[in-house]
């Protein structure tokens, strides 16, 4: 019997379908003067946060604090999304755009 692929049960919470043209960086890192490696955008509210390889892990912290389950990578050439509660990666055809982002201050 073939294994059933994991499924995200939070797709109804995708409210951000058009990504911004540009972003300045991780919103919380810019506010706090900290640095990031890679950027993710919350698909519920559009807040930009840093990845779990970054020192502050703002994207996953935002998801935990707000119950916003889905993020999308906004790194150049990447189009995957991640559901934190279901721990599943996917591509969402409904989300469009590739923002211009600043170079990582940590060289990532």
PDB file of N, CA and C in Angstrom:
ATOM      1  N   UNK A   1       0.849  -1.169   0.000  1.00  0.00           N
ATOM      2  CA  UNK A   1       0.000   0.000   0.000  1.00  0.00           C
ATOM      3  C   UNK A   1       0.901   1.240   0.000  1.00  0.00           C
ATOM      4  N   UNK A   2       0.610   2.198  -0.861  1.00  0.00           N
ATOM      5  CA  UNK A   2       1.397   3.420  -0.976  1.00  0.00           C
ATOM      6  C   UNK A   2       1.112   4.340   0.206  1.00  0.00           C
ATOM      7  N   UNK A   3       2.154   5.033   0.634  1.00  0.00           N
ATOM      8  CA  UNK A   3       2.000   5.990   1.731  1.00  0.00           C
ATOM      9  C   UNK A   3       1.206   7.203   1.245  1.00  0.00           C
ATOM     10  N   UNK A   4       0.376   7.733   2.108  1.00  0.00           N
ATOM     11  CA  UNK A   4      -0.407   8.925   1.801  1.00  0.00           C
ATOM     12  C   UNK A   4       0.471  10.143   2.086  1.00  0.00           C
ATOM     13  N   UNK A   5       0.617  11.061   1.110  1.00  0.00           N
ATOM     14  CA  UNK A   5       1.450  12.236   1.363  1.00  0.00           C
ATOM     15  C   UNK A   5       0.822  13.136   2.427  1.00  0.00           C
ATOM     16  N   UNK A   6       1.655  13.831   3.194  1.00  0.00           N
ATOM     17  CA  UNK A   6       1.112  14.737   4.213  1.00  0.00           C
ATOM     18  C   UNK A   6       0.294  15.858   3.568  1.00  0.00           C
ATOM     19  N   UNK A   7      -0.716  16.300   4.270  1.00  0.00           N
ATOM     20  CA  UNK A   7      -1.631  17.312   3.751  1.00  0.00           C
ATOM     21  C   UNK A   7      -1.682  18.483   4.736  1.00  0.00           C
ATOM     22  N   UNK A   8      -1.763  19.688   4.191  1.00  0.00           N
ATOM     23  CA  UNK A   8      -1.935  20.882   5.008  1.00  0.00           C
ATOM     24  C   UNK A   8      -3.423  21.132   5.199  1.00  0.00           C
ATOM     25  N   UNK A   9      -3.830  21.255   6.448  1.00  0.00           N
ATOM     26  CA  UNK A   9      -5.235  21.499   6.762  1.00  0.00           C
ATOM     27  C   UNK A   9      -5.538  22.986   6.978  1.00  0.00           C
ATOM     28  N   UNK A  10      -4.594  23.869   6.603  1.00  0.00           N
ATOM     29  CA  UNK A  10      -4.735  25.304   6.876  1.00  0.00           C
ATOM     30  C   UNK A  10      -4.806  26.162   5.614  1.00  0.00           C
ATOM     31  N   UNK A  11      -5.028  25.562   4.467  1.00  0.00           N
ATOM     32  CA  UNK A  11      -5.015  26.320   3.216  1.00  0.00           C
ATOM     33  C   UNK A  11      -6.083  27.412   3.177  1.00  0.00           C
ATOM     34  N   UNK A  12      -7.146  27.251   3.937  1.00  0.00           N
ATOM     35  CA  UNK A  12      -8.183  28.278   4.008  1.00  0.00           C
ATOM     36  C   UNK A  12      -7.725  29.554   4.699  1.00  0.00           C
ATOM     37  N   UNK A  13      -6.558  29.530   5.325  1.00  0.00           N
ATOM     38  CA  UNK A  13      -6.035  30.707   6.021  1.00  0.00           C
ATOM     39  C   UNK A  13      -5.058  31.512   5.172  1.00  0.00           C
ATOM     40  N   UNK A  14      -4.893  31.135   3.895  1.00  0.00           N
ATOM     41  CA  UNK A  14      -4.034  31.906   2.990  1.00  0.00           C
ATOM     42  C   UNK A  14      -4.797  33.154   2.569  1.00  0.00           C
ATOM     43  N   UNK A  15      -4.371  34.307   3.074  1.00  0.00           N
ATOM     44  CA  UNK A  15      -4.999  35.579   2.738  1.00  0.00           C
ATOM     45  C   UNK A  15      -4.094  36.435   1.852  1.00  0.00           C
ATOM     46  N   UNK A  16      -2.814  36.161   1.858  1.00  0.00           N
ATOM     47  CA  UNK A  16      -1.847  36.892   1.039  1.00  0.00           C
ATOM     48  C   UNK A  16      -1.578  36.057  -0.206  1.00  0.00           C
ATOM     49  N   UNK A  17      -2.046  36.532  -1.357  1.00  0.00           N
ATOM     50  CA  UNK A  17      -1.819  35.798  -2.603  1.00  0.00           C
ATOM     51  C   UNK A  17      -0.931  36.577  -3.573  1.00  0.00           C
ATOM     52  N   UNK A  18      -0.789  37.879  -3.361  1.00  0.00           N
ATOM     53  CA  UNK A  18       0.108  38.709  -4.173  1.00  0.00           C
ATOM     54  C   UNK A  18       1.235  39.193  -3.265  1.00  0.00           C
ATOM     55  N   UNK A  19       2.448  38.779  -3.575  1.00  0.00           N
ATOM     56  CA  UNK A  19       3.594  39.183  -2.767  1.00  0.00           C
ATOM     57  C   UNK A  19       3.990  40.610  -3.120  1.00  0.00           C
ATOM     58  N   UNK A  20       4.553  41.354  -2.164  1.00  0.00           N
ATOM     59  CA  UNK A  20       4.965  42.727  -2.442  1.00  0.00           C
ATOM     60  C   UNK A  20       6.109  42.758  -3.462  1.00  0.00           C
ATOM     61  N   UNK A  21       6.256  43.871  -4.165  1.00  0.00           N
ATOM     62  CA  UNK A  21       7.348  44.007  -5.141  1.00  0.00           C
ATOM     63  C   UNK A  21       8.711  43.972  -4.478  1.00  0.00           C
ATOM     64  N   UNK A  22       8.827  44.626  -3.336  1.00  0.00           N
ATOM     65  CA  UNK A  22      10.096  44.652  -2.612  1.00  0.00           C
ATOM     66  C   UNK A  22       9.817  44.535  -1.118  1.00  0.00           C
ATOM     67  N   UNK A  23      10.810  44.048  -0.397  1.00  0.00           N
ATOM     68  CA  UNK A  23      10.773  44.069   1.065  1.00  0.00           C
ATOM     69  C   UNK A  23      12.125  44.591   1.551  1.00  0.00           C
ATOM     70  N   UNK A  24      12.127  45.186   2.733  1.00  0.00           N
ATOM     71  CA  UNK A  24      13.354  45.751   3.289  1.00  0.00           C
ATOM     72  C   UNK A  24      14.164  44.736   4.080  1.00  0.00           C
ATOM     73  N   UNK A  25      13.539  43.642   4.478  1.00  0.00           N
ATOM     74  CA  UNK A  25      14.197  42.626   5.291  1.00  0.00           C
ATOM     75  C   UNK A  25      13.218  42.083   6.305  1.00  0.00           C
ATOM     76  N   UNK A  26      13.715  41.358   7.286  1.00  0.00           N
ATOM     77  CA  UNK A  26      12.878  40.837   8.368  1.00  0.00           C
ATOM     78  C   UNK A  26      12.354  42.019   9.177  1.00  0.00           C
ATOM     79  N   UNK A  27      11.027  42.115   9.291  1.00  0.00           N
ATOM     80  CA  UNK A  27      10.426  43.253   9.996  1.00  0.00           C
ATOM     81  C   UNK A  27      10.954  43.386  11.420  1.00  0.00           C
ATOM     82  N   UNK A  28      10.988  42.285  12.175  1.00  0.00           N
ATOM     83  CA  UNK A  28      11.433  42.340  13.575  1.00  0.00           C
ATOM     84  C   UNK A  28      12.931  42.605  13.674  1.00  0.00           C
ATOM     85  N   UNK A  29      13.732  42.025  12.783  1.00  0.00           N
ATOM     86  CA  UNK A  29      15.178  42.300  12.806  1.00  0.00           C
ATOM     87  C   UNK A  29      15.452  43.779  12.532  1.00  0.00           C
ATOM     88  N   UNK A  30      14.717  44.351  11.582  1.00  0.00           N
ATOM     89  CA  UNK A  30      14.896  45.774  11.290  1.00  0.00           C
ATOM     90  C   UNK A  30      14.502  46.630  12.487  1.00  0.00           C
ATOM     91  N   UNK A  31      13.436  46.233  13.201  1.00  0.00           N
ATOM     92  CA  UNK A  31      12.994  46.970  14.393  1.00  0.00           C
ATOM     93  C   UNK A  31      14.008  46.848  15.526  1.00  0.00           C
ATOM     94  N   UNK A  32      14.610  45.660  15.668  1.00  0.00           N
ATOM     95  CA  UNK A  32      15.492  45.376  16.813  1.00  0.00           C
ATOM     96  C   UNK A  32      16.970  45.540  16.525  1.00  0.00           C
ATOM     97  N   UNK A  33      17.346  45.749  15.286  1.00  0.00           N
ATOM     98  CA  UNK A  33      18.756  45.870  14.944  1.00  0.00           C
ATOM     99  C   UNK A  33      19.476  44.528  14.897  1.00  0.00           C
ATOM    100  N   UNK A  34      18.726  43.439  14.691  1.00  0.00           N
ATOM    101  CA  UNK A  34      19.349  42.120  14.573  1.00  0.00           C
ATOM    102  C   UNK A  34      19.459  41.752  13.089  1.00  0.00           C
ATOM    103  N   UNK A  35      20.041  40.574  12.806  1.00  0.00           N
ATOM    104  CA  UNK A  35      20.320  40.197  11.422  1.00  0.00           C
ATOM    105  C   UNK A  35      19.678  38.864  11.079  1.00  0.00           C
ATOM    106  N   UNK A  36      19.476  38.634   9.791  1.00  0.00           N
ATOM    107  CA  UNK A  36      18.796  37.433   9.328  1.00  0.00           C
ATOM    108  C   UNK A  36      19.638  36.710   8.282  1.00  0.00           C
ATOM    109  N   UNK A  37      19.231  35.462   7.996  1.00  0.00           N
ATOM    110  CA  UNK A  37      19.859  34.664   6.939  1.00  0.00           C
ATOM    111  C   UNK A  37      18.947  34.632   5.716  1.00  0.00           C
ATOM    112  N   UNK A  38      17.728  34.097   5.865  1.00  0.00           N
ATOM    113  CA  UNK A  38      16.765  34.000   4.770  1.00  0.00           C
ATOM    114  C   UNK A  38      15.432  34.578   5.226  1.00  0.00           C
ATOM    115  N   UNK A  39      14.604  34.983   4.255  1.00  0.00           N
ATOM    116  CA  UNK A  39      13.336  35.644   4.566  1.00  0.00           C
ATOM    117  C   UNK A  39      12.141  34.790   4.183  1.00  0.00           C
ATOM    118  N   UNK A  40      11.097  34.892   5.013  1.00  0.00           N
ATOM    119  CA  UNK A  40       9.818  34.210   4.805  1.00  0.00           C
ATOM    120  C   UNK A  40       8.713  35.257   4.986  1.00  0.00           C
ATOM    121  N   UNK A  41       7.579  35.048   4.314  1.00  0.00           N
ATOM    122  CA  UNK A  41       6.446  35.957   4.482  1.00  0.00           C
ATOM    123  C   UNK A  41       5.252  35.166   4.999  1.00  0.00           C
ATOM    124  N   UNK A  42       4.568  35.728   5.985  1.00  0.00           N
ATOM    125  CA  UNK A  42       3.370  35.108   6.544  1.00  0.00           C
ATOM    126  C   UNK A  42       2.249  35.219   5.517  1.00  0.00           C
ATOM    127  N   UNK A  43       1.623  34.101   5.210  1.00  0.00           N
ATOM    128  CA  UNK A  43       0.552  34.108   4.218  1.00  0.00           C
ATOM    129  C   UNK A  43      -0.807  34.453   4.821  1.00  0.00           C
ATOM    130  N   UNK A  44      -0.842  34.730   6.124  1.00  0.00           N
ATOM    131  CA  UNK A  44      -2.075  35.226   6.747  1.00  0.00           C
ATOM    132  C   UNK A  44      -2.093  36.747   6.794  1.00  0.00           C
ATOM    133  N   UNK A  45      -0.941  37.365   7.121  1.00  0.00           N
ATOM    134  CA  UNK A  45      -0.937  38.824   7.321  1.00  0.00           C
ATOM    135  C   UNK A  45       0.126  39.578   6.530  1.00  0.00           C
ATOM    136  N   UNK A  46       1.070  38.874   5.917  1.00  0.00           N
ATOM    137  CA  UNK A  46       2.096  39.540   5.124  1.00  0.00           C
ATOM    138  C   UNK A  46       3.327  39.981   5.883  1.00  0.00           C
ATOM    139  N   UNK A  47       3.423  39.674   7.160  1.00  0.00           N
ATOM    140  CA  UNK A  47       4.616  40.058   7.931  1.00  0.00           C
ATOM    141  C   UNK A  47       5.817  39.258   7.424  1.00  0.00           C
ATOM    142  N   UNK A  48       6.939  39.947   7.230  1.00  0.00           N
ATOM    143  CA  UNK A  48       8.165  39.306   6.774  1.00  0.00           C
ATOM    144  C   UNK A  48       9.010  38.967   7.987  1.00  0.00           C
ATOM    145  N   UNK A  49       9.430  37.708   8.060  1.00  0.00           N
ATOM    146  CA  UNK A  49      10.249  37.245   9.178  1.00  0.00           C
ATOM    147  C   UNK A  49      11.442  36.461   8.678  1.00  0.00           C
ATOM    148  N   UNK A  50      12.385  36.243   9.576  1.00  0.00           N
ATOM    149  CA  UNK A  50      13.589  35.495   9.218  1.00  0.00           C
ATOM    150  C   UNK A  50      13.405  34.008   9.503  1.00  0.00           C
ATOM    151  N   UNK A  51      14.177  33.201   8.796  1.00  0.00           N
ATOM    152  CA  UNK A  51      14.064  31.739   8.853  1.00  0.00           C
ATOM    153  C   UNK A  51      14.630  31.169  10.151  1.00  0.00           C
ATOM    154  N   UNK A  52      14.461  29.880  10.322  1.00  0.00           N
ATOM    155  CA  UNK A  52      14.953  29.206  11.526  1.00  0.00           C
ATOM    156  C   UNK A  52      16.469  29.054  11.558  1.00  0.00           C
ATOM    157  N   UNK A  53      17.156  29.351  10.458  1.00  0.00           N
ATOM    158  CA  UNK A  53      18.626  29.387  10.462  1.00  0.00           C
ATOM    159  C   UNK A  53      19.146  30.732  10.954  1.00  0.00           C
ATOM    160  N   UNK A  54      18.263  31.703  11.059  1.00  0.00           N
ATOM    161  CA  UNK A  54      18.619  33.030  11.552  1.00  0.00           C
ATOM    162  C   UNK A  54      18.662  33.021  13.075  1.00  0.00           C
ATOM    163  N   UNK A  55      19.455  33.887  13.673  1.00  0.00           N
ATOM    164  CA  UNK A  55      19.566  33.874  15.140  1.00  0.00           C
ATOM    165  C   UNK A  55      18.242  34.050  15.878  1.00  0.00           C
ATOM    166  N   UNK A  56      17.349  34.891  15.373  1.00  0.00           N
ATOM    167  CA  UNK A  56      16.120  35.204  16.108  1.00  0.00           C
ATOM    168  C   UNK A  56      14.903  34.383  15.688  1.00  0.00           C
ATOM    169  N   UNK A  57      14.936  33.738  14.528  1.00  0.00           N
ATOM    170  CA  UNK A  57      13.853  32.856  14.071  1.00  0.00           C
ATOM    171  C   UNK A  57      12.477  33.541  14.115  1.00  0.00           C
ATOM    172  N   UNK A  58      12.405  34.759  13.587  1.00  0.00           N
ATOM    173  CA  UNK A  58      11.184  35.551  13.713  1.00  0.00           C
ATOM    174  C   UNK A  58       9.977  34.981  12.969  1.00  0.00           C
ATOM    175  N   UNK A  59      10.164  34.298  11.847  1.00  0.00           N
ATOM    176  CA  UNK A  59       9.007  33.751  11.113  1.00  0.00           C
ATOM    177  C   UNK A  59       8.293  32.691  11.944  1.00  0.00           C
ATOM    178  N   UNK A  60       9.037  31.745  12.502  1.00  0.00           N
ATOM    179  CA  UNK A  60       8.376  30.701  13.309  1.00  0.00           C
ATOM    180  C   UNK A  60       7.872  31.271  14.630  1.00  0.00           C
ATOM    181  N   UNK A  61       8.548  32.265  15.179  1.00  0.00           N
ATOM    182  CA  UNK A  61       8.068  32.906  16.406  1.00  0.00           C
ATOM    183  C   UNK A  61       6.733  33.612  16.143  1.00  0.00           C
ATOM    184  N   UNK A  62       6.653  34.313  15.012  1.00  0.00           N
ATOM    185  CA  UNK A  62       5.406  34.990  14.634  1.00  0.00           C
ATOM    186  C   UNK A  62       4.274  33.970  14.481  1.00  0.00           C
ATOM    187  N   UNK A  63       4.555  32.858  13.819  1.00  0.00           N
ATOM    188  CA  UNK A  63       3.539  31.817  13.633  1.00  0.00           C
ATOM    189  C   UNK A  63       3.038  31.291  14.972  1.00  0.00           C
ATOM    190  N   UNK A  64       3.938  31.063  15.903  1.00  0.00           N
ATOM    191  CA  UNK A  64       3.554  30.539  17.223  1.00  0.00           C
ATOM    192  C   UNK A  64       2.752  31.561  18.024  1.00  0.00           C
ATOM    193  N   UNK A  65       3.144  32.832  17.949  1.00  0.00           N
ATOM    194  CA  UNK A  65       2.476  33.877  18.736  1.00  0.00           C
ATOM    195  C   UNK A  65       1.112  34.267  18.174  1.00  0.00           C
ATOM    196  N   UNK A  66       0.901  34.100  16.872  1.00  0.00           N
ATOM    197  CA  UNK A  66      -0.325  34.586  16.236  1.00  0.00           C
ATOM    198  C   UNK A  66      -1.242  33.476  15.731  1.00  0.00           C
ATOM    199  N   UNK A  67      -0.777  32.234  15.771  1.00  0.00           N
ATOM    200  CA  UNK A  67      -1.500  31.112  15.167  1.00  0.00           C
ATOM    201  C   UNK A  67      -1.686  31.298  13.661  1.00  0.00           C
ATOM    202  N   UNK A  68      -0.767  32.026  13.014  1.00  0.00           N
ATOM    203  CA  UNK A  68      -0.742  32.117  11.562  1.00  0.00           C
ATOM    204  C   UNK A  68       0.111  30.949  11.073  1.00  0.00           C
ATOM    205  N   UNK A  69      -0.479  29.963  10.408  1.00  0.00           N
ATOM    206  CA  UNK A  69       0.206  28.697  10.176  1.00  0.00           C
ATOM    207  C   UNK A  69       1.167  28.626   8.991  1.00  0.00           C
ATOM    208  N   UNK A  70       0.974  29.467   7.971  1.00  0.00           N
ATOM    209  CA  UNK A  70       1.701  29.291   6.710  1.00  0.00           C
ATOM    210  C   UNK A  70       2.647  30.439   6.390  1.00  0.00           C
ATOM    211  N   UNK A  71       3.846  30.079   5.931  1.00  0.00           N
ATOM    212  CA  UNK A  71       4.803  31.057   5.412  1.00  0.00           C
ATOM    213  C   UNK A  71       5.225  30.618   4.017  1.00  0.00           C
ATOM    214  N   UNK A  72       5.755  31.563   3.274  1.00  0.00           N
ATOM    215  CA  UNK A  72       6.336  31.261   1.963  1.00  0.00           C
ATOM    216  C   UNK A  72       7.734  31.843   1.938  1.00  0.00           C
ATOM    217  N   UNK A  73       8.647  31.123   1.350  1.00  0.00           N
ATOM    218  CA  UNK A  73       9.981  31.662   1.142  1.00  0.00           C
ATOM    219  C   UNK A  73       9.896  32.793   0.134  1.00  0.00           C
ATOM    220  N   UNK A  74      10.621  33.862   0.386  1.00  0.00           N
ATOM    221  CA  UNK A  74      10.718  34.935  -0.609  1.00  0.00           C
ATOM    222  C   UNK A  74      12.161  35.100  -1.069  1.00  0.00           C
ATOM    223  N   UNK A  75      12.947  34.046  -0.897  1.00  0.00           N
ATOM    224  CA  UNK A  75      14.304  34.041  -1.423  1.00  0.00           C
ATOM    225  C   UNK A  75      14.244  33.929  -2.951  1.00  0.00           C
ATOM    226  N   UNK A  76      15.157  34.575  -3.669  1.00  0.00           N
ATOM    227  CA  UNK A  76      15.147  34.505  -5.134  1.00  0.00           C
ATOM    228  C   UNK A  76      15.162  33.053  -5.630  1.00  0.00           C
ATOM    229  N   UNK A  77      14.255  32.763  -6.550  1.00  0.00           N
ATOM    230  CA  UNK A  77      14.182  31.442  -7.147  1.00  0.00           C
ATOM    231  C   UNK A  77      13.445  30.396  -6.325  1.00  0.00           C
ATOM    232  N   UNK A  78      12.981  30.748  -5.137  1.00  0.00           N
ATOM    233  CA  UNK A  78      12.255  29.793  -4.292  1.00  0.00           C
ATOM    234  C   UNK A  78      10.768  30.123  -4.306  1.00  0.00           C
ATOM    235  N   UNK A  79       9.920  29.077  -4.388  1.00  0.00           N
ATOM    236  CA  UNK A  79       8.478  29.305  -4.403  1.00  0.00           C
ATOM    237  C   UNK A  79       7.730  28.343  -3.490  1.00  0.00           C
ATOM    238  N   UNK A  80       8.410  27.808  -2.494  1.00  0.00           N
ATOM    239  CA  UNK A  80       7.780  26.847  -1.590  1.00  0.00           C
ATOM    240  C   UNK A  80       7.177  27.551  -0.378  1.00  0.00           C
ATOM    241  N   UNK A  81       6.181  26.897   0.169  1.00  0.00           N
ATOM    242  CA  UNK A  81       5.527  27.364   1.391  1.00  0.00           C
ATOM    243  C   UNK A  81       5.652  26.272   2.449  1.00  0.00           C
ATOM    244  N   UNK A  82       5.463  26.655   3.703  1.00  0.00           N
ATOM    245  CA  UNK A  82       5.583  25.723   4.830  1.00  0.00           C
ATOM    246  C   UNK A  82       4.417  25.935   5.779  1.00  0.00           C
ATOM    247  N   UNK A  83       3.814  24.834   6.203  1.00  0.00           N
ATOM    248  CA  UNK A  83       2.777  24.873   7.223  1.00  0.00           C
ATOM    249  C   UNK A  83       3.411  24.417   8.529  1.00  0.00           C
ATOM    250  N   UNK A  84       3.477  25.304   9.515  1.00  0.00           N
ATOM    251  CA  UNK A  84       4.095  24.968  10.799  1.00  0.00           C
ATOM    252  C   UNK A  84       3.344  23.873  11.554  1.00  0.00           C
ATOM    253  N   UNK A  85       2.024  23.975  11.743  1.00  0.00           N
ATOM    254  CA  UNK A  85       1.348  22.935  12.532  1.00  0.00           C
ATOM    255  C   UNK A  85       1.355  21.553  11.882  1.00  0.00           C
ATOM    256  N   UNK A  86       1.208  21.516  10.557  1.00  0.00           N
ATOM    257  CA  UNK A  86       1.161  20.226   9.873  1.00  0.00           C
ATOM    258  C   UNK A  86       2.537  19.732   9.436  1.00  0.00           C
ATOM    259  N   UNK A  87       3.549  20.595   9.574  1.00  0.00           N
ATOM    260  CA  UNK A  87       4.930  20.267   9.200  1.00  0.00           C
ATOM    261  C   UNK A  87       5.012  19.700   7.791  1.00  0.00           C
ATOM    262  N   UNK A  88       4.485  20.472   6.843  1.00  0.00           N
ATOM    263  CA  UNK A  88       4.490  20.036   5.455  1.00  0.00           C
ATOM    264  C   UNK A  88       4.875  21.215   4.542  1.00  0.00           C
ATOM    265  N   UNK A  89       5.718  20.915   3.565  1.00  0.00           N
ATOM    266  CA  UNK A  89       6.104  21.900   2.550  1.00  0.00           C
ATOM    267  C   UNK A  89       5.255  21.684   1.314  1.00  0.00           C
ATOM    268  N   UNK A  90       5.009  22.744   0.569  1.00  0.00           N
ATOM    269  CA  UNK A  90       4.186  22.656  -0.632  1.00  0.00           C
ATOM    270  C   UNK A  90       4.423  23.870  -1.508  1.00  0.00           C
ATOM    271  N   UNK A  91       3.956  23.788  -2.725  1.00  0.00           N
ATOM    272  CA  UNK A  91       3.923  24.938  -3.624  1.00  0.00           C
ATOM    273  C   UNK A  91       2.460  25.340  -3.762  1.00  0.00           C
ATOM    274  N   UNK A  92       2.182  26.625  -3.601  1.00  0.00           N
ATOM    275  CA  UNK A  92       0.811  27.129  -3.680  1.00  0.00           C
ATOM    276  C   UNK A  92       0.662  27.958  -4.948  1.00  0.00           C
ATOM    277  N   UNK A  93      -0.050  27.423  -5.927  1.00  0.00           N
ATOM    278  CA  UNK A  93      -0.235  28.104  -7.210  1.00  0.00           C
ATOM    279  C   UNK A  93      -0.958  29.431  -7.048  1.00  0.00           C
ATOM    280  N   UNK A  94      -1.730  29.600  -5.980  1.00  0.00           N
ATOM    281  CA  UNK A  94      -2.508  30.819  -5.779  1.00  0.00           C
ATOM    282  C   UNK A  94      -1.660  31.999  -5.306  1.00  0.00           C
ATOM    283  N   UNK A  95      -0.415  31.759  -4.893  1.00  0.00           N
ATOM    284  CA  UNK A  95       0.462  32.829  -4.395  1.00  0.00           C
ATOM    285  C   UNK A  95       1.408  33.237  -5.514  1.00  0.00           C
ATOM    286  N   UNK A  96       1.394  34.540  -5.843  1.00  0.00           N
ATOM    287  CA  UNK A  96       2.153  35.042  -6.982  1.00  0.00           C
ATOM    288  C   UNK A  96       3.130  36.126  -6.566  1.00  0.00           C
ATOM    289  N   UNK A  97       4.234  36.215  -7.305  1.00  0.00           N
ATOM    290  CA  UNK A  97       5.193  37.290  -7.116  1.00  0.00           C
ATOM    291  C   UNK A  97       6.539  36.787  -6.651  1.00  0.00           C
ATOM    292  N   UNK A  98       7.538  37.609  -6.876  1.00  0.00           N
ATOM    293  CA  UNK A  98       8.886  37.334  -6.409  1.00  0.00           C
ATOM    294  C   UNK A  98       9.489  38.669  -5.979  1.00  0.00           C
ATOM    295  N   UNK A  99       9.355  38.998  -4.697  1.00  0.00           N
ATOM    296  CA  UNK A  99       9.837  40.299  -4.230  1.00  0.00           C
ATOM    297  C   UNK A  99      11.348  40.454  -4.403  1.00  0.00           C
ATOM    298  N   UNK A 100      11.760  41.677  -4.645  1.00  0.00           N
ATOM    299  CA  UNK A 100      13.180  42.003  -4.559  1.00  0.00           C
ATOM    300  C   UNK A 100      13.487  42.159  -3.078  1.00  0.00           C
ATOM    301  N   UNK A 101      14.549  41.497  -2.644  1.00  0.00           N
ATOM    302  CA  UNK A 101      14.918  41.522  -1.231  1.00  0.00           C
ATOM    303  C   UNK A 101      16.358  41.980  -1.090  1.00  0.00           C
ATOM    304  N   UNK A 102      16.704  42.519   0.065  1.00  0.00           N
ATOM    305  CA  UNK A 102      18.106  42.894   0.296  1.00  0.00           C
ATOM    306  C   UNK A 102      18.959  41.654   0.526  1.00  0.00           C
ATOM    307  N   UNK A 103      20.231  41.778   0.304  1.00  0.00           N
ATOM    308  CA  UNK A 103      21.171  40.703   0.585  1.00  0.00           C
ATOM    309  C   UNK A 103      21.175  40.444   2.088  1.00  0.00           C
ATOM    310  N   UNK A 104      21.313  39.187   2.459  1.00  0.00           N
ATOM    311  CA  UNK A 104      21.341  38.812   3.872  1.00  0.00           C
ATOM    312  C   UNK A 104      22.530  39.475   4.573  1.00  0.00           C
ATOM    313  N   UNK A 105      22.292  40.097   5.727  1.00  0.00           N
ATOM    314  CA  UNK A 105      23.411  40.680   6.474  1.00  0.00           C
ATOM    315  C   UNK A 105      24.333  39.614   7.066  1.00  0.00           C
ATOM    316  N   UNK A 106      23.891  38.363   7.089  1.00  0.00           N
ATOM    317  CA  UNK A 106      24.732  37.279   7.592  1.00  0.00           C
ATOM    318  C   UNK A 106      25.351  36.465   6.457  1.00  0.00           C
ATOM    319  N   UNK A 107      25.203  36.952   5.227  1.00  0.00           N
ATOM    320  CA  UNK A 107      25.850  36.316   4.094  1.00  0.00           C
ATOM    321  C   UNK A 107      25.217  35.036   3.628  1.00  0.00           C
ATOM    322  N   UNK A 108      23.954  34.778   4.034  1.00  0.00           N
ATOM    323  CA  UNK A 108      23.278  33.546   3.643  1.00  0.00           C
ATOM    324  C   UNK A 108      22.688  33.592   2.269  1.00  0.00           C
TER     325      UNK A 108
END
